[in-house]
Amino acid sequence: MTAETNQVNSTTKGADAIDEAIAKGIDFDGSPIPSAKLDLYNQVMALEANRQRSGVSNTMRSRIVRIGAKHIPQPELDQKLIDAGFAPLKEKEIAFFYGGK
């Protein structure tokens, strides 16, 4: 792999890569993100920023389920949640995140 390829790959990895690209208004392929898409995204994020939160643990669990389902098989994620003291996967979560797999 060339240094140039490594640089591109490193900018598309990690939790902040998307936020950084959005802030720059540039997609990973170097093309500009259309202003209509940026405007809608910023409107929705502003609404989210003003939403009352239900608690850190609830948000942590939600993120674990949403992201973990992309990487961890359902029985394993369910057990990891239980082992960590979170509620196990709900039927609707299993159907949504694992139903098509």
PDB file of N, CA and C in Angstrom:
ATOM      1  N   MET A   1       0.833  -1.179   0.000  1.00  0.00           N
ATOM      2  CA  MET A   1       0.000   0.000   0.000  1.00  0.00           C
ATOM      3  C   MET A   1       0.877   1.242   0.000  1.00  0.00           C
ATOM      4  N   THR A   2       0.518   2.220  -0.770  1.00  0.00           N
ATOM      5  CA  THR A   2       1.306   3.440  -0.809  1.00  0.00           C
ATOM      6  C   THR A   2       0.928   4.336   0.352  1.00  0.00           C
ATOM      7  N   ALA A   3       1.784   5.315   0.615  1.00  0.00           N
ATOM      8  CA  ALA A   3       1.486   6.278   1.680  1.00  0.00           C
ATOM      9  C   ALA A   3       0.221   7.049   1.351  1.00  0.00           C
ATOM     10  N   GLU A   4       0.000   7.304   0.053  1.00  0.00           N
ATOM     11  CA  GLU A   4      -1.192   8.031  -0.371  1.00  0.00           C
ATOM     12  C   GLU A   4      -2.458   7.229  -0.056  1.00  0.00           C
ATOM     13  N   THR A   5      -2.428   5.931  -0.342  1.00  0.00           N
ATOM     14  CA  THR A   5      -3.568   5.066  -0.045  1.00  0.00           C
ATOM     15  C   THR A   5      -3.818   5.012   1.455  1.00  0.00           C
ATOM     16  N   ASN A   6      -2.759   4.886   2.245  1.00  0.00           N
ATOM     17  CA  ASN A   6      -2.910   4.864   3.704  1.00  0.00           C
ATOM     18  C   ASN A   6      -3.551   6.143   4.210  1.00  0.00           C
ATOM     19  N   GLN A   7      -3.174   7.279   3.630  1.00  0.00           N
ATOM     20  CA  GLN A   7      -3.731   8.557   4.064  1.00  0.00           C
ATOM     21  C   GLN A   7      -5.225   8.613   3.772  1.00  0.00           C
ATOM     22  N   VAL A   8      -5.643   8.162   2.588  1.00  0.00           N
ATOM     23  CA  VAL A   8      -7.063   8.160   2.247  1.00  0.00           C
ATOM     24  C   VAL A   8      -7.822   7.240   3.177  1.00  0.00           C
ATOM     25  N   ASN A   9      -7.304   6.018   3.400  1.00  0.00           N
ATOM     26  CA  ASN A   9      -7.985   5.066   4.269  1.00  0.00           C
ATOM     27  C   ASN A   9      -8.112   5.583   5.694  1.00  0.00           C
ATOM     28  N   SER A  10      -7.097   6.248   6.207  1.00  0.00           N
ATOM     29  CA  SER A  10      -7.153   6.722   7.585  1.00  0.00           C
ATOM     30  C   SER A  10      -8.187   7.825   7.754  1.00  0.00           C
ATOM     31  N   THR A  11      -8.485   8.574   6.699  1.00  0.00           N
ATOM     32  CA  THR A  11      -9.477   9.639   6.823  1.00  0.00           C
ATOM     33  C   THR A  11     -10.895   9.115   6.711  1.00  0.00           C
ATOM     34  N   THR A  12     -11.073   7.863   6.319  1.00  0.00           N
ATOM     35  CA  THR A  12     -12.408   7.289   6.211  1.00  0.00           C
ATOM     36  C   THR A  12     -12.707   6.302   7.328  1.00  0.00           C
ATOM     37  N   LYS A  13     -11.847   6.236   8.317  1.00  0.00           N
ATOM     38  CA  LYS A  13     -12.039   5.312   9.431  1.00  0.00           C
ATOM     39  C   LYS A  13     -12.294   6.076  10.718  1.00  0.00           C
ATOM     40  N   GLY A  14     -12.963   5.404  11.625  1.00  0.00           N
ATOM     41  CA  GLY A  14     -13.182   5.975  12.945  1.00  0.00           C
ATOM     42  C   GLY A  14     -14.502   6.705  13.060  1.00  0.00           C
ATOM     43  N   ALA A  15     -14.881   6.917  14.295  1.00  0.00           N
ATOM     44  CA  ALA A  15     -16.191   7.511  14.581  1.00  0.00           C
ATOM     45  C   ALA A  15     -16.317   8.951  14.102  1.00  0.00           C
ATOM     46  N   ASP A  16     -15.210   9.663  14.019  1.00  0.00           N
ATOM     47  CA  ASP A  16     -15.284  11.074  13.650  1.00  0.00           C
ATOM     48  C   ASP A  16     -15.119  11.335  12.156  1.00  0.00           C
ATOM     49  N   ALA A  17     -14.812  10.318  11.370  1.00  0.00           N
ATOM     50  CA  ALA A  17     -14.534  10.514   9.947  1.00  0.00           C
ATOM     51  C   ALA A  17     -15.712  11.144   9.207  1.00  0.00           C
ATOM     52  N   ILE A  18     -16.908  10.676   9.484  1.00  0.00           N
ATOM     53  CA  ILE A  18     -18.099  11.217   8.815  1.00  0.00           C
ATOM     54  C   ILE A  18     -18.317  12.668   9.221  1.00  0.00           C
ATOM     55  N   ASP A  19     -18.229  12.946  10.528  1.00  0.00           N
ATOM     56  CA  ASP A  19     -18.436  14.319  11.002  1.00  0.00           C
ATOM     57  C   ASP A  19     -17.425  15.281  10.398  1.00  0.00           C
ATOM     58  N   GLU A  20     -16.183  14.827  10.294  1.00  0.00           N
ATOM     59  CA  GLU A  20     -15.144  15.678   9.714  1.00  0.00           C
ATOM     60  C   GLU A  20     -15.429  15.954   8.239  1.00  0.00           C
ATOM     61  N   ALA A  21     -15.849  14.932   7.505  1.00  0.00           N
ATOM     62  CA  ALA A  21     -16.170  15.112   6.089  1.00  0.00           C
ATOM     63  C   ALA A  21     -17.363  16.051   5.913  1.00  0.00           C
ATOM     64  N   ILE A  22     -18.380  15.888   6.751  1.00  0.00           N
ATOM     65  CA  ILE A  22     -19.558  16.758   6.670  1.00  0.00           C
ATOM     66  C   ILE A  22     -19.168  18.201   6.963  1.00  0.00           C
ATOM     67  N   ALA A  23     -18.355  18.396   7.994  1.00  0.00           N
ATOM     68  CA  ALA A  23     -17.922  19.761   8.345  1.00  0.00           C
ATOM     69  C   ALA A  23     -17.164  20.420   7.190  1.00  0.00           C
ATOM     70  N   LYS A  24     -16.405  19.617   6.459  1.00  0.00           N
ATOM     71  CA  LYS A  24     -15.664  20.139   5.304  1.00  0.00           C
ATOM     72  C   LYS A  24     -16.557  20.272   4.070  1.00  0.00           C
ATOM     73  N   GLY A  25     -17.693  19.562   4.074  1.00  0.00           N
ATOM     74  CA  GLY A  25     -18.579  19.565   2.917  1.00  0.00           C
ATOM     75  C   GLY A  25     -18.032  18.760   1.750  1.00  0.00           C
ATOM     76  N   ILE A  26     -17.140  17.812   2.057  1.00  0.00           N
ATOM     77  CA  ILE A  26     -16.481  17.019   1.028  1.00  0.00           C
ATOM     78  C   ILE A  26     -16.666  15.536   1.331  1.00  0.00           C
ATOM     79  N   ASP A  27     -17.158  14.771   0.355  1.00  0.00           N
ATOM     80  CA  ASP A  27     -17.325  13.324   0.518  1.00  0.00           C
ATOM     81  C   ASP A  27     -15.963  12.644   0.473  1.00  0.00           C
ATOM     82  N   PHE A  28     -15.914  11.373   0.858  1.00  0.00           N
ATOM     83  CA  PHE A  28     -14.648  10.638   0.905  1.00  0.00           C
ATOM     84  C   PHE A  28     -13.979  10.526  -0.460  1.00  0.00           C
ATOM     85  N   ASP A  29     -14.765  10.586  -1.518  1.00  0.00           N
ATOM     86  CA  ASP A  29     -14.176  10.500  -2.856  1.00  0.00           C
ATOM     87  C   ASP A  29     -13.670  11.845  -3.358  1.00  0.00           C
ATOM     88  N   GLY A  30     -13.793  12.891  -2.521  1.00  0.00           N
ATOM     89  CA  GLY A  30     -13.307  14.215  -2.878  1.00  0.00           C
ATOM     90  C   GLY A  30     -14.358  15.114  -3.505  1.00  0.00           C
ATOM     91  N   SER A  31     -15.525  14.563  -3.795  1.00  0.00           N
ATOM     92  CA  SER A  31     -16.582  15.378  -4.406  1.00  0.00           C
ATOM     93  C   SER A  31     -17.300  16.204  -3.341  1.00  0.00           C
ATOM     94  N   PRO A  32     -17.788  17.386  -3.730  1.00  0.00           N
ATOM     95  CA  PRO A  32     -18.524  18.208  -2.759  1.00  0.00           C
ATOM     96  C   PRO A  32     -19.872  17.574  -2.417  1.00  0.00           C
ATOM     97  N   ILE A  33     -20.270  17.727  -1.170  1.00  0.00           N
ATOM     98  CA  ILE A  33     -21.594  17.262  -0.751  1.00  0.00           C
ATOM     99  C   ILE A  33     -22.577  18.360  -1.155  1.00  0.00           C
ATOM    100  N   PRO A  34     -23.639  18.029  -1.895  1.00  0.00           N
ATOM    101  CA  PRO A  34     -24.591  19.058  -2.329  1.00  0.00           C
ATOM    102  C   PRO A  34     -25.165  19.852  -1.150  1.00  0.00           C
ATOM    103  N   SER A  35     -25.335  21.142  -1.350  1.00  0.00           N
ATOM    104  CA  SER A  35     -25.795  22.015  -0.260  1.00  0.00           C
ATOM    105  C   SER A  35     -27.168  21.607   0.257  1.00  0.00           C
ATOM    106  N   ALA A  36     -28.049  21.089  -0.608  1.00  0.00           N
ATOM    107  CA  ALA A  36     -29.373  20.659  -0.137  1.00  0.00           C
ATOM    108  C   ALA A  36     -29.243  19.520   0.872  1.00  0.00           C
ATOM    109  N   LYS A  37     -28.308  18.604   0.629  1.00  0.00           N
ATOM    110  CA  LYS A  37     -28.086  17.503   1.564  1.00  0.00           C
ATOM    111  C   LYS A  37     -27.493  18.015   2.868  1.00  0.00           C
ATOM    112  N   LEU A  38     -26.531  18.921   2.775  1.00  0.00           N
ATOM    113  CA  LEU A  38     -25.930  19.498   3.983  1.00  0.00           C
ATOM    114  C   LEU A  38     -26.947  20.284   4.792  1.00  0.00           C
ATOM    115  N   ASP A  39     -27.783  21.058   4.097  1.00  0.00           N
ATOM    116  CA  ASP A  39     -28.805  21.855   4.787  1.00  0.00           C
ATOM    117  C   ASP A  39     -29.786  20.972   5.543  1.00  0.00           C
ATOM    118  N   LEU A  40     -30.279  19.916   4.881  1.00  0.00           N
ATOM    119  CA  LEU A  40     -31.221  19.013   5.547  1.00  0.00           C
ATOM    120  C   LEU A  40     -30.549  18.322   6.730  1.00  0.00           C
ATOM    121  N   TYR A  41     -29.338  17.853   6.545  1.00  0.00           N
ATOM    122  CA  TYR A  41     -28.600  17.209   7.628  1.00  0.00           C
ATOM    123  C   TYR A  41     -28.463  18.158   8.817  1.00  0.00           C
ATOM    124  N   ASN A  42     -28.059  19.385   8.550  1.00  0.00           N
ATOM    125  CA  ASN A  42     -27.875  20.361   9.630  1.00  0.00           C
ATOM    126  C   ASN A  42     -29.188  20.707  10.321  1.00  0.00           C
ATOM    127  N   GLN A  43     -30.295  20.764   9.576  1.00  0.00           N
ATOM    128  CA  GLN A  43     -31.602  21.007  10.189  1.00  0.00           C
ATOM    129  C   GLN A  43     -31.961  19.885  11.154  1.00  0.00           C
ATOM    130  N   VAL A  44     -31.803  18.649  10.702  1.00  0.00           N
ATOM    131  CA  VAL A  44     -32.155  17.499  11.537  1.00  0.00           C
ATOM    132  C   VAL A  44     -31.236  17.405  12.751  1.00  0.00           C
ATOM    133  N   MET A  45     -29.950  17.663  12.571  1.00  0.00           N
ATOM    134  CA  MET A  45     -29.010  17.608  13.693  1.00  0.00           C
ATOM    135  C   MET A  45     -29.305  18.709  14.713  1.00  0.00           C
ATOM    136  N   ALA A  46     -29.769  19.853  14.255  1.00  0.00           N
ATOM    137  CA  ALA A  46     -30.146  20.926  15.179  1.00  0.00           C
ATOM    138  C   ALA A  46     -31.360  20.501  16.015  1.00  0.00           C
ATOM    139  N   LEU A  47     -32.315  19.835  15.380  1.00  0.00           N
ATOM    140  CA  LEU A  47     -33.465  19.316  16.125  1.00  0.00           C
ATOM    141  C   LEU A  47     -33.007  18.295  17.164  1.00  0.00           C
ATOM    142  N   GLU A  48     -32.116  17.421  16.755  1.00  0.00           N
ATOM    143  CA  GLU A  48     -31.601  16.387  17.673  1.00  0.00           C
ATOM    144  C   GLU A  48     -30.836  17.017  18.836  1.00  0.00           C
ATOM    145  N   ALA A  49     -30.095  18.072  18.557  1.00  0.00           N
ATOM    146  CA  ALA A  49     -29.306  18.740  19.596  1.00  0.00           C
ATOM    147  C   ALA A  49     -30.202  19.341  20.681  1.00  0.00           C
ATOM    148  N   ASN A  50     -31.437  19.663  20.319  1.00  0.00           N
ATOM    149  CA  ASN A  50     -32.361  20.274  21.278  1.00  0.00           C
ATOM    150  C   ASN A  50     -33.279  19.259  21.961  1.00  0.00           C
ATOM    151  N   ARG A  51     -33.128  17.971  21.634  1.00  0.00           N
ATOM    152  CA  ARG A  51     -33.986  16.941  22.210  1.00  0.00           C
ATOM    153  C   ARG A  51     -33.533  16.595  23.625  1.00  0.00           C
ATOM    154  N   GLN A  52     -34.478  16.505  24.521  1.00  0.00           N
ATOM    155  CA  GLN A  52     -34.181  16.102  25.897  1.00  0.00           C
ATOM    156  C   GLN A  52     -33.690  14.665  25.906  1.00  0.00           C
ATOM    157  N   ARG A  53     -32.642  14.406  26.625  1.00  0.00           N
ATOM    158  CA  ARG A  53     -32.052  13.072  26.699  1.00  0.00           C
ATOM    159  C   ARG A  53     -32.669  12.285  27.844  1.00  0.00           C
ATOM    160  N   SER A  54     -32.733  10.962  27.661  1.00  0.00           N
ATOM    161  CA  SER A  54     -33.341  10.112  28.683  1.00  0.00           C
ATOM    162  C   SER A  54     -32.318   9.536  29.640  1.00  0.00           C
ATOM    163  N   GLY A  55     -31.058   9.657  29.331  1.00  0.00           N
ATOM    164  CA  GLY A  55     -30.022   9.146  30.212  1.00  0.00           C
ATOM    165  C   GLY A  55     -28.866   8.590  29.423  1.00  0.00           C
ATOM    166  N   VAL A  56     -27.716   8.618  30.019  1.00  0.00           N
ATOM    167  CA  VAL A  56     -26.501   8.170  29.347  1.00  0.00           C
ATOM    168  C   VAL A  56     -26.549   6.665  29.086  1.00  0.00           C
ATOM    169  N   SER A  57     -26.976   5.880  30.061  1.00  0.00           N
ATOM    170  CA  SER A  57     -27.019   4.424  29.878  1.00  0.00           C
ATOM    171  C   SER A  57     -27.942   4.032  28.732  1.00  0.00           C
ATOM    172  N   ASN A  58     -29.095   4.695  28.626  1.00  0.00           N
ATOM    173  CA  ASN A  58     -30.020   4.396  27.529  1.00  0.00           C
ATOM    174  C   ASN A  58     -29.379   4.698  26.178  1.00  0.00           C
ATOM    175  N   THR A  59     -28.685   5.819  26.096  1.00  0.00           N
ATOM    176  CA  THR A  59     -28.031   6.198  24.842  1.00  0.00           C
ATOM    177  C   THR A  59     -26.879   5.246  24.532  1.00  0.00           C
ATOM    178  N   MET A  60     -26.116   4.876  25.544  1.00  0.00           N
ATOM    179  CA  MET A  60     -25.025   3.922  25.338  1.00  0.00           C
ATOM    180  C   MET A  60     -25.568   2.608  24.786  1.00  0.00           C
ATOM    181  N   ARG A  61     -26.629   2.094  25.391  1.00  0.00           N
ATOM    182  CA  ARG A  61     -27.206   0.831  24.945  1.00  0.00           C
ATOM    183  C   ARG A  61     -27.696   0.948  23.509  1.00  0.00           C
ATOM    184  N   SER A  62     -28.365   2.041  23.214  1.00  0.00           N
ATOM    185  CA  SER A  62     -28.875   2.262  21.861  1.00  0.00           C
ATOM    186  C   SER A  62     -27.750   2.253  20.836  1.00  0.00           C
ATOM    187  N   ARG A  63     -26.666   2.924  21.142  1.00  0.00           N
ATOM    188  CA  ARG A  63     -25.520   2.955  20.224  1.00  0.00           C
ATOM    189  C   ARG A  63     -24.874   1.582  20.102  1.00  0.00           C
ATOM    190  N   ILE A  64     -24.762   0.882  21.219  1.00  0.00           N
ATOM    191  CA  ILE A  64     -24.178  -0.462  21.198  1.00  0.00           C
ATOM    192  C   ILE A  64     -25.005  -1.368  20.283  1.00  0.00           C
ATOM    193  N   VAL A  65     -26.324  -1.311  20.430  1.00  0.00           N
ATOM    194  CA  VAL A  65     -27.196  -2.166  19.622  1.00  0.00           C
ATOM    195  C   VAL A  65     -27.111  -1.761  18.151  1.00  0.00           C
ATOM    196  N   ARG A  66     -27.246  -0.494  17.864  1.00  0.00           N
ATOM    197  CA  ARG A  66     -27.267  -0.009  16.482  1.00  0.00           C
ATOM    198  C   ARG A  66     -25.966  -0.324  15.753  1.00  0.00           C
ATOM    199  N   ILE A  67     -24.854  -0.078  16.408  1.00  0.00           N
ATOM    200  CA  ILE A  67     -23.554  -0.294  15.769  1.00  0.00           C
ATOM    201  C   ILE A  67     -23.105  -1.748  15.924  1.00  0.00           C
ATOM    202  N   GLY A  68     -23.343  -2.313  17.097  1.00  0.00           N
ATOM    203  CA  GLY A  68     -22.925  -3.688  17.342  1.00  0.00           C
ATOM    204  C   GLY A  68     -23.592  -4.681  16.408  1.00  0.00           C
ATOM    205  N   ALA A  69     -24.837  -4.417  16.030  1.00  0.00           N
ATOM    206  CA  ALA A  69     -25.555  -5.327  15.137  1.00  0.00           C
ATOM    207  C   ALA A  69     -24.893  -5.439  13.768  1.00  0.00           C
ATOM    208  N   LYS A  70     -24.102  -4.448  13.398  1.00  0.00           N
ATOM    209  CA  LYS A  70     -23.390  -4.486  12.119  1.00  0.00           C
ATOM    210  C   LYS A  70     -22.180  -5.407  12.181  1.00  0.00           C
ATOM    211  N   HIS A  71     -21.694  -5.680  13.380  1.00  0.00           N
ATOM    212  CA  HIS A  71     -20.426  -6.377  13.538  1.00  0.00           C
ATOM    213  C   HIS A  71     -20.489  -7.663  14.355  1.00  0.00           C
ATOM    214  N   ILE A  72     -21.521  -7.816  15.171  1.00  0.00           N
ATOM    215  CA  ILE A  72     -21.571  -8.923  16.130  1.00  0.00           C
ATOM    216  C   ILE A  72     -22.834  -9.749  15.892  1.00  0.00           C
ATOM    217  N   PRO A  73     -22.721 -11.063  15.822  1.00  0.00           N
ATOM    218  CA  PRO A  73     -23.912 -11.911  15.666  1.00  0.00           C
ATOM    219  C   PRO A  73     -24.898 -11.687  16.814  1.00  0.00           C
ATOM    220  N   GLN A  74     -26.179 -11.851  16.525  1.00  0.00           N
ATOM    221  CA  GLN A  74     -27.246 -11.550  17.484  1.00  0.00           C
ATOM    222  C   GLN A  74     -27.097 -12.266  18.822  1.00  0.00           C
ATOM    223  N   PRO A  75     -26.863 -13.572  18.858  1.00  0.00           N
ATOM    224  CA  PRO A  75     -26.742 -14.224  20.178  1.00  0.00           C
ATOM    225  C   PRO A  75     -25.566 -13.680  20.988  1.00  0.00           C
ATOM    226  N   GLU A  76     -24.477 -13.376  20.307  1.00  0.00           N
ATOM    227  CA  GLU A  76     -23.293 -12.858  20.986  1.00  0.00           C
ATOM    228  C   GLU A  76     -23.537 -11.438  21.511  1.00  0.00           C
ATOM    229  N   LEU A  77     -24.159 -10.584  20.705  1.00  0.00           N
ATOM    230  CA  LEU A  77     -24.461  -9.220  21.156  1.00  0.00           C
ATOM    231  C   LEU A  77     -25.432  -9.258  22.323  1.00  0.00           C
ATOM    232  N   ASP A  78     -26.430 -10.107  22.236  1.00  0.00           N
ATOM    233  CA  ASP A  78     -27.401 -10.246  23.316  1.00  0.00           C
ATOM    234  C   ASP A  78     -26.697 -10.613  24.619  1.00  0.00           C
ATOM    235  N   GLN A  79     -25.796 -11.585  24.565  1.00  0.00           N
ATOM    236  CA  GLN A  79     -25.076 -12.011  25.763  1.00  0.00           C
ATOM    237  C   GLN A  79     -24.154 -10.910  26.280  1.00  0.00           C
ATOM    238  N   LYS A  80     -23.507 -10.195  25.374  1.00  0.00           N
ATOM    239  CA  LYS A  80     -22.620  -9.103  25.787  1.00  0.00           C
ATOM    240  C   LYS A  80     -23.415  -8.011  26.505  1.00  0.00           C
ATOM    241  N   LEU A  81     -24.605  -7.702  26.007  1.00  0.00           N
ATOM    242  CA  LEU A  81     -25.456  -6.714  26.674  1.00  0.00           C
ATOM    243  C   LEU A  81     -25.800  -7.175  28.088  1.00  0.00           C
ATOM    244  N   ILE A  82     -26.220  -8.404  28.212  1.00  0.00           N
ATOM    245  CA  ILE A  82     -26.592  -8.958  29.517  1.00  0.00           C
ATOM    246  C   ILE A  82     -25.391  -8.955  30.458  1.00  0.00           C
ATOM    247  N   ASP A  83     -24.234  -9.403  29.957  1.00  0.00           N
ATOM    248  CA  ASP A  83     -23.028  -9.452  30.784  1.00  0.00           C
ATOM    249  C   ASP A  83     -22.612  -8.075  31.278  1.00  0.00           C
ATOM    250  N   ALA A  84     -22.892  -7.050  30.483  1.00  0.00           N
ATOM    251  CA  ALA A  84     -22.522  -5.679  30.854  1.00  0.00           C
ATOM    252  C   ALA A  84     -23.570  -5.007  31.737  1.00  0.00           C
ATOM    253  N   GLY A  85     -24.692  -5.685  31.966  1.00  0.00           N
ATOM    254  CA  GLY A  85     -25.723  -5.123  32.827  1.00  0.00           C
ATOM    255  C   GLY A  85     -26.779  -4.324  32.091  1.00  0.00           C
ATOM    256  N   PHE A  86     -26.807  -4.446  30.771  1.00  0.00           N
ATOM    257  CA  PHE A  86     -27.850  -3.797  29.977  1.00  0.00           C
ATOM    258  C   PHE A  86     -28.989  -4.790  29.765  1.00  0.00           C
ATOM    259  N   ALA A  87     -30.141  -4.266  29.369  1.00  0.00           N
ATOM    260  CA  ALA A  87     -31.269  -5.126  29.001  1.00  0.00           C
ATOM    261  C   ALA A  87     -30.901  -5.902  27.737  1.00  0.00           C
ATOM    262  N   PRO A  88     -31.364  -7.143  27.638  1.00  0.00           N
ATOM    263  CA  PRO A  88     -31.094  -7.922  26.425  1.00  0.00           C
ATOM    264  C   PRO A  88     -31.799  -7.297  25.217  1.00  0.00           C
ATOM    265  N   LEU A  89     -31.457  -7.802  24.045  1.00  0.00           N
ATOM    266  CA  LEU A  89     -32.096  -7.309  22.828  1.00  0.00           C
ATOM    267  C   LEU A  89     -33.603  -7.518  22.900  1.00  0.00           C
ATOM    268  N   LYS A  90     -34.342  -6.531  22.441  1.00  0.00           N
ATOM    269  CA  LYS A  90     -35.795  -6.622  22.375  1.00  0.00           C
ATOM    270  C   LYS A  90     -36.174  -7.274  21.047  1.00  0.00           C
ATOM    271  N   GLU A  91     -37.350  -7.890  21.014  1.00  0.00           N
ATOM    272  CA  GLU A  91     -37.809  -8.550  19.788  1.00  0.00           C
ATOM    273  C   GLU A  91     -37.796  -7.586  18.600  1.00  0.00           C
ATOM    274  N   LYS A  92     -38.229  -6.343  18.817  1.00  0.00           N
ATOM    275  CA  LYS A  92     -38.265  -5.387  17.705  1.00  0.00           C
ATOM    276  C   LYS A  92     -36.856  -5.029  17.229  1.00  0.00           C
ATOM    277  N   GLU A  93     -35.887  -5.020  18.133  1.00  0.00           N
ATOM    278  CA  GLU A  93     -34.495  -4.766  17.737  1.00  0.00           C
ATOM    279  C   GLU A  93     -33.948  -5.935  16.930  1.00  0.00           C
ATOM    280  N   ILE A  94     -34.248  -7.138  17.378  1.00  0.00           N
ATOM    281  CA  ILE A  94     -33.794  -8.328  16.655  1.00  0.00           C
ATOM    282  C   ILE A  94     -34.398  -8.337  15.254  1.00  0.00           C
ATOM    283  N   ALA A  95     -35.692  -8.056  15.164  1.00  0.00           N
ATOM    284  CA  ALA A  95     -36.359  -8.038  13.868  1.00  0.00           C
ATOM    285  C   ALA A  95     -35.767  -6.952  12.964  1.00  0.00           C
ATOM    286  N   PHE A  96     -35.520  -5.781  13.513  1.00  0.00           N
ATOM    287  CA  PHE A  96     -35.034  -4.672  12.708  1.00  0.00           C
ATOM    288  C   PHE A  96     -33.591  -4.887  12.267  1.00  0.00           C
ATOM    289  N   PHE A  97     -32.726  -5.211  13.208  1.00  0.00           N
ATOM    290  CA  PHE A  97     -31.300  -5.286  12.912  1.00  0.00           C
ATOM    291  C   PHE A  97     -30.865  -6.646  12.353  1.00  0.00           C
ATOM    292  N   TYR A  98     -31.571  -7.706  12.698  1.00  0.00           N
ATOM    293  CA  TYR A  98     -31.141  -9.032  12.284  1.00  0.00           C
ATOM    294  C   TYR A  98     -32.155  -9.754  11.393  1.00  0.00           C
ATOM    295  N   GLY A  99     -33.346  -9.198  11.234  1.00  0.00           N
ATOM    296  CA  GLY A  99     -34.416  -9.862  10.493  1.00  0.00           C
ATOM    297  C   GLY A  99     -34.081 -10.219   9.064  1.00  0.00           C
ATOM    298  N   GLY A 100     -33.330  -9.362   8.376  1.00  0.00           N
ATOM    299  CA  GLY A 100     -33.018  -9.600   6.984  1.00  0.00           C
ATOM    300  C   GLY A 100     -31.759 -10.405   6.771  1.00  0.00           C
ATOM    301  N   LYS A 101     -31.140 -10.865   7.853  1.00  0.00           N
ATOM    302  CA  LYS A 101     -29.851 -11.559   7.722  1.00  0.00           C
ATOM    303  C   LYS A 101     -30.024 -13.057   7.772  1.00  0.00           C
TER     304      LYS A 101
END
